[in-house]
Amino acid sequence: MGGRGGGMAPGYLEYIRSLKNYETTLNSQGGGLLISYNIPIFLKNQNNF
């Protein structure tokens, strides 16, 4: 997946973004940074996100 001189495996970002109840942020500047976090269903239903 990552590593020196590596990149993201094909389809990995799409897989991560398809996960239910997860939010994902990708910063592709420089070395790149992918952050995913789970949003509990009870919070998502409160329209906070």
PDB file of N, CA and C in Angstrom:
ATOM      1  N   MET A   1       0.808  -1.174   0.000  1.00  0.00           N
ATOM      2  CA  MET A   1       0.000   0.000   0.000  1.00  0.00           C
ATOM      3  C   MET A   1       0.859   1.248   0.000  1.00  0.00           C
ATOM      4  N   GLY A   2       1.513   1.557   1.023  1.00  0.00           N
ATOM      5  CA  GLY A   2       2.317   2.758   1.059  1.00  0.00           C
ATOM      6  C   GLY A   2       3.765   2.387   1.097  1.00  0.00           C
ATOM      7  N   GLY A   3       4.523   3.188   1.750  1.00  0.00           N
ATOM      8  CA  GLY A   3       5.933   2.896   1.877  1.00  0.00           C
ATOM      9  C   GLY A   3       6.746   3.815   0.998  1.00  0.00           C
ATOM     10  N   ARG A   4       8.034   3.694   1.112  1.00  0.00           N
ATOM     11  CA  ARG A   4       8.924   4.552   0.346  1.00  0.00           C
ATOM     12  C   ARG A   4       8.794   4.276  -1.141  1.00  0.00           C
ATOM     13  N   GLY A   5       8.584   5.317  -1.879  1.00  0.00           N
ATOM     14  CA  GLY A   5       8.479   5.191  -3.319  1.00  0.00           C
ATOM     15  C   GLY A   5       7.219   4.474  -3.773  1.00  0.00           C
ATOM     16  N   GLY A   6       6.425   4.051  -2.833  1.00  0.00           N
ATOM     17  CA  GLY A   6       5.212   3.317  -3.195  1.00  0.00           C
ATOM     18  C   GLY A   6       4.052   4.257  -3.383  1.00  0.00           C
ATOM     19  N   GLY A   7       2.933   3.698  -3.563  1.00  0.00           N
ATOM     20  CA  GLY A   7       1.716   4.490  -3.698  1.00  0.00           C
ATOM     21  C   GLY A   7       0.573   3.678  -3.144  1.00  0.00           C
ATOM     22  N   MET A   8      -0.588   4.214  -3.296  1.00  0.00           N
ATOM     23  CA  MET A   8      -1.762   3.504  -2.823  1.00  0.00           C
ATOM     24  C   MET A   8      -2.100   2.392  -3.813  1.00  0.00           C
ATOM     25  N   ALA A   9      -2.462   1.254  -3.308  1.00  0.00           N
ATOM     26  CA  ALA A   9      -2.858   0.145  -4.167  1.00  0.00           C
ATOM     27  C   ALA A   9      -4.099   0.553  -4.968  1.00  0.00           C
ATOM     28  N   PRO A  10      -4.164   0.142  -6.228  1.00  0.00           N
ATOM     29  CA  PRO A  10      -5.343   0.491  -7.039  1.00  0.00           C
ATOM     30  C   PRO A  10      -6.637   0.029  -6.360  1.00  0.00           C
ATOM     31  N   GLY A  11      -7.598   0.915  -6.320  1.00  0.00           N
ATOM     32  CA  GLY A  11      -8.883   0.573  -5.732  1.00  0.00           C
ATOM     33  C   GLY A  11      -8.967   0.753  -4.224  1.00  0.00           C
ATOM     34  N   TYR A  12      -7.845   1.000  -3.562  1.00  0.00           N
ATOM     35  CA  TYR A  12      -7.854   1.107  -2.101  1.00  0.00           C
ATOM     36  C   TYR A  12      -8.663   2.312  -1.639  1.00  0.00           C
ATOM     37  N   LEU A  13      -8.461   3.454  -2.257  1.00  0.00           N
ATOM     38  CA  LEU A  13      -9.188   4.658  -1.849  1.00  0.00           C
ATOM     39  C   LEU A  13     -10.686   4.480  -2.057  1.00  0.00           C
ATOM     40  N   GLU A  14     -11.078   3.879  -3.157  1.00  0.00           N
ATOM     41  CA  GLU A  14     -12.494   3.646  -3.408  1.00  0.00           C
ATOM     42  C   GLU A  14     -13.080   2.703  -2.363  1.00  0.00           C
ATOM     43  N   TYR A  15     -12.299   1.681  -1.996  1.00  0.00           N
ATOM     44  CA  TYR A  15     -12.759   0.749  -0.956  1.00  0.00           C
ATOM     45  C   TYR A  15     -12.960   1.482   0.371  1.00  0.00           C
ATOM     46  N   ILE A  16     -11.988   2.281   0.765  1.00  0.00           N
ATOM     47  CA  ILE A  16     -12.070   3.017   2.036  1.00  0.00           C
ATOM     48  C   ILE A  16     -13.271   3.957   2.017  1.00  0.00           C
ATOM     49  N   ARG A  17     -13.449   4.668   0.922  1.00  0.00           N
ATOM     50  CA  ARG A  17     -14.564   5.617   0.835  1.00  0.00           C
ATOM     51  C   ARG A  17     -15.919   4.928   0.780  1.00  0.00           C
ATOM     52  N   SER A  18     -15.954   3.649   0.415  1.00  0.00           N
ATOM     53  CA  SER A  18     -17.234   2.938   0.331  1.00  0.00           C
ATOM     54  C   SER A  18     -17.696   2.387   1.683  1.00  0.00           C
ATOM     55  N   LEU A  19     -16.832   2.411   2.689  1.00  0.00           N
ATOM     56  CA  LEU A  19     -17.198   1.869   3.997  1.00  0.00           C
ATOM     57  C   LEU A  19     -18.305   2.713   4.619  1.00  0.00           C
ATOM     58  N   LYS A  20     -19.338   2.053   5.086  1.00  0.00           N
ATOM     59  CA  LYS A  20     -20.456   2.760   5.709  1.00  0.00           C
ATOM     60  C   LYS A  20     -20.033   3.276   7.090  1.00  0.00           C
ATOM     61  N   ASN A  21     -20.547   4.434   7.456  1.00  0.00           N
ATOM     62  CA  ASN A  21     -20.292   5.067   8.752  1.00  0.00           C
ATOM     63  C   ASN A  21     -18.839   5.479   8.936  1.00  0.00           C
ATOM     64  N   TYR A  22     -18.095   5.657   7.841  1.00  0.00           N
ATOM     65  CA  TYR A  22     -16.724   6.147   7.914  1.00  0.00           C
ATOM     66  C   TYR A  22     -16.614   7.417   7.103  1.00  0.00           C
ATOM     67  N   GLU A  23     -15.830   8.342   7.575  1.00  0.00           N
ATOM     68  CA  GLU A  23     -15.480   9.545   6.835  1.00  0.00           C
ATOM     69  C   GLU A  23     -14.006   9.412   6.481  1.00  0.00           C
ATOM     70  N   THR A  24     -13.635   9.866   5.303  1.00  0.00           N
ATOM     71  CA  THR A  24     -12.256   9.739   4.842  1.00  0.00           C
ATOM     72  C   THR A  24     -11.791  11.060   4.264  1.00  0.00           C
ATOM     73  N   THR A  25     -10.576  11.445   4.627  1.00  0.00           N
ATOM     74  CA  THR A  25      -9.951  12.654   4.101  1.00  0.00           C
ATOM     75  C   THR A  25      -8.629  12.264   3.482  1.00  0.00           C
ATOM     76  N   LEU A  26      -8.367  12.752   2.284  1.00  0.00           N
ATOM     77  CA  LEU A  26      -7.116  12.465   1.590  1.00  0.00           C
ATOM     78  C   LEU A  26      -6.421  13.770   1.275  1.00  0.00           C
ATOM     79  N   ASN A  27      -5.184  13.908   1.721  1.00  0.00           N
ATOM     80  CA  ASN A  27      -4.335  15.033   1.369  1.00  0.00           C
ATOM     81  C   ASN A  27      -3.257  14.465   0.460  1.00  0.00           C
ATOM     82  N   SER A  28      -3.310  14.785  -0.821  1.00  0.00           N
ATOM     83  CA  SER A  28      -2.380  14.202  -1.778  1.00  0.00           C
ATOM     84  C   SER A  28      -1.161  15.080  -2.034  1.00  0.00           C
ATOM     85  N   GLN A  29      -1.010  16.162  -1.298  1.00  0.00           N
ATOM     86  CA  GLN A  29       0.160  17.015  -1.446  1.00  0.00           C
ATOM     87  C   GLN A  29       1.334  16.374  -0.726  1.00  0.00           C
ATOM     88  N   GLY A  30       2.501  16.482  -1.299  1.00  0.00           N
ATOM     89  CA  GLY A  30       3.687  15.910  -0.666  1.00  0.00           C
ATOM     90  C   GLY A  30       3.610  14.401  -0.631  1.00  0.00           C
ATOM     91  N   GLY A  31       3.820  13.821   0.535  1.00  0.00           N
ATOM     92  CA  GLY A  31       3.802  12.371   0.676  1.00  0.00           C
ATOM     93  C   GLY A  31       2.409  11.790   0.720  1.00  0.00           C
ATOM     94  N   GLY A  32       1.434  12.623   0.943  1.00  0.00           N
ATOM     95  CA  GLY A  32       0.050  12.143   1.004  1.00  0.00           C
ATOM     96  C   GLY A  32      -0.301  11.633   2.391  1.00  0.00           C
ATOM     97  N   LEU A  33      -1.533  11.793   2.751  1.00  0.00           N
ATOM     98  CA  LEU A  33      -2.021  11.358   4.053  1.00  0.00           C
ATOM     99  C   LEU A  33      -3.484  10.986   3.896  1.00  0.00           C
ATOM    100  N   LEU A  34      -3.831   9.781   4.343  1.00  0.00           N
ATOM    101  CA  LEU A  34      -5.211   9.307   4.287  1.00  0.00           C
ATOM    102  C   LEU A  34      -5.680   9.062   5.713  1.00  0.00           C
ATOM    103  N   ILE A  35      -6.762   9.720   6.097  1.00  0.00           N
ATOM    104  CA  ILE A  35      -7.314   9.560   7.441  1.00  0.00           C
ATOM    105  C   ILE A  35      -8.752   9.092   7.312  1.00  0.00           C
ATOM    106  N   SER A  36      -9.074   7.989   7.975  1.00  0.00           N
ATOM    107  CA  SER A  36     -10.444   7.491   8.016  1.00  0.00           C
ATOM    108  C   SER A  36     -10.846   7.312   9.467  1.00  0.00           C
ATOM    109  N   TYR A  37     -12.085   7.635   9.758  1.00  0.00           N
ATOM    110  CA  TYR A  37     -12.566   7.468  11.127  1.00  0.00           C
ATOM    111  C   TYR A  37     -14.022   7.061  11.093  1.00  0.00           C
ATOM    112  N   ASN A  38     -14.406   6.326  12.107  1.00  0.00           N
ATOM    113  CA  ASN A  38     -15.758   5.804  12.220  1.00  0.00           C
ATOM    114  C   ASN A  38     -16.656   6.820  12.893  1.00  0.00           C
ATOM    115  N   ILE A  39     -17.846   6.989  12.332  1.00  0.00           N
ATOM    116  CA  ILE A  39     -18.864   7.841  12.943  1.00  0.00           C
ATOM    117  C   ILE A  39     -19.940   6.910  13.483  1.00  0.00           C
ATOM    118  N   PRO A  40     -20.106   6.849  14.789  1.00  0.00           N
ATOM    119  CA  PRO A  40     -21.150   5.988  15.347  1.00  0.00           C
ATOM    120  C   PRO A  40     -22.516   6.340  14.757  1.00  0.00           C
ATOM    121  N   ILE A  41     -23.312   5.335  14.500  1.00  0.00           N
ATOM    122  CA  ILE A  41     -24.615   5.517  13.854  1.00  0.00           C
ATOM    123  C   ILE A  41     -25.491   6.496  14.621  1.00  0.00           C
ATOM    124  N   PHE A  42     -25.486   6.429  15.955  1.00  0.00           N
ATOM    125  CA  PHE A  42     -26.362   7.325  16.725  1.00  0.00           C
ATOM    126  C   PHE A  42     -25.976   8.788  16.526  1.00  0.00           C
ATOM    127  N   LEU A  43     -24.704   9.086  16.275  1.00  0.00           N
ATOM    128  CA  LEU A  43     -24.305  10.468  16.005  1.00  0.00           C
ATOM    129  C   LEU A  43     -24.691  10.878  14.589  1.00  0.00           C
ATOM    130  N   LYS A  44     -24.499   9.977  13.634  1.00  0.00           N
ATOM    131  CA  LYS A  44     -24.823  10.287  12.253  1.00  0.00           C
ATOM    132  C   LYS A  44     -26.316  10.574  12.107  1.00  0.00           C
ATOM    133  N   ASN A  45     -27.149   9.861  12.868  1.00  0.00           N
ATOM    134  CA  ASN A  45     -28.596  10.063  12.806  1.00  0.00           C
ATOM    135  C   ASN A  45     -29.039  11.383  13.426  1.00  0.00           C
ATOM    136  N   GLN A  46     -28.165  12.029  14.186  1.00  0.00           N
ATOM    137  CA  GLN A  46     -28.507  13.321  14.794  1.00  0.00           C
ATOM    138  C   GLN A  46     -28.193  14.479  13.855  1.00  0.00           C
ATOM    139  N   ASN A  47     -27.792  14.179  12.623  1.00  0.00           N
ATOM    140  CA  ASN A  47     -27.477  15.195  11.611  1.00  0.00           C
ATOM    141  C   ASN A  47     -26.337  16.105  12.020  1.00  0.00           C
ATOM    142  N   ASN A  48     -25.430  15.594  12.845  1.00  0.00           N
ATOM    143  CA  ASN A  48     -24.251  16.379  13.205  1.00  0.00           C
ATOM    144  C   ASN A  48     -23.184  16.294  12.130  1.00  0.00           C
ATOM    145  N   PHE A  49     -23.321  15.339  11.210  1.00  0.00           N
ATOM    146  CA  PHE A  49     -22.288  15.134  10.191  1.00  0.00           C
ATOM    147  C   PHE A  49     -22.911  15.240   8.828  1.00  0.00           C
TER     148      PHE A  49
END
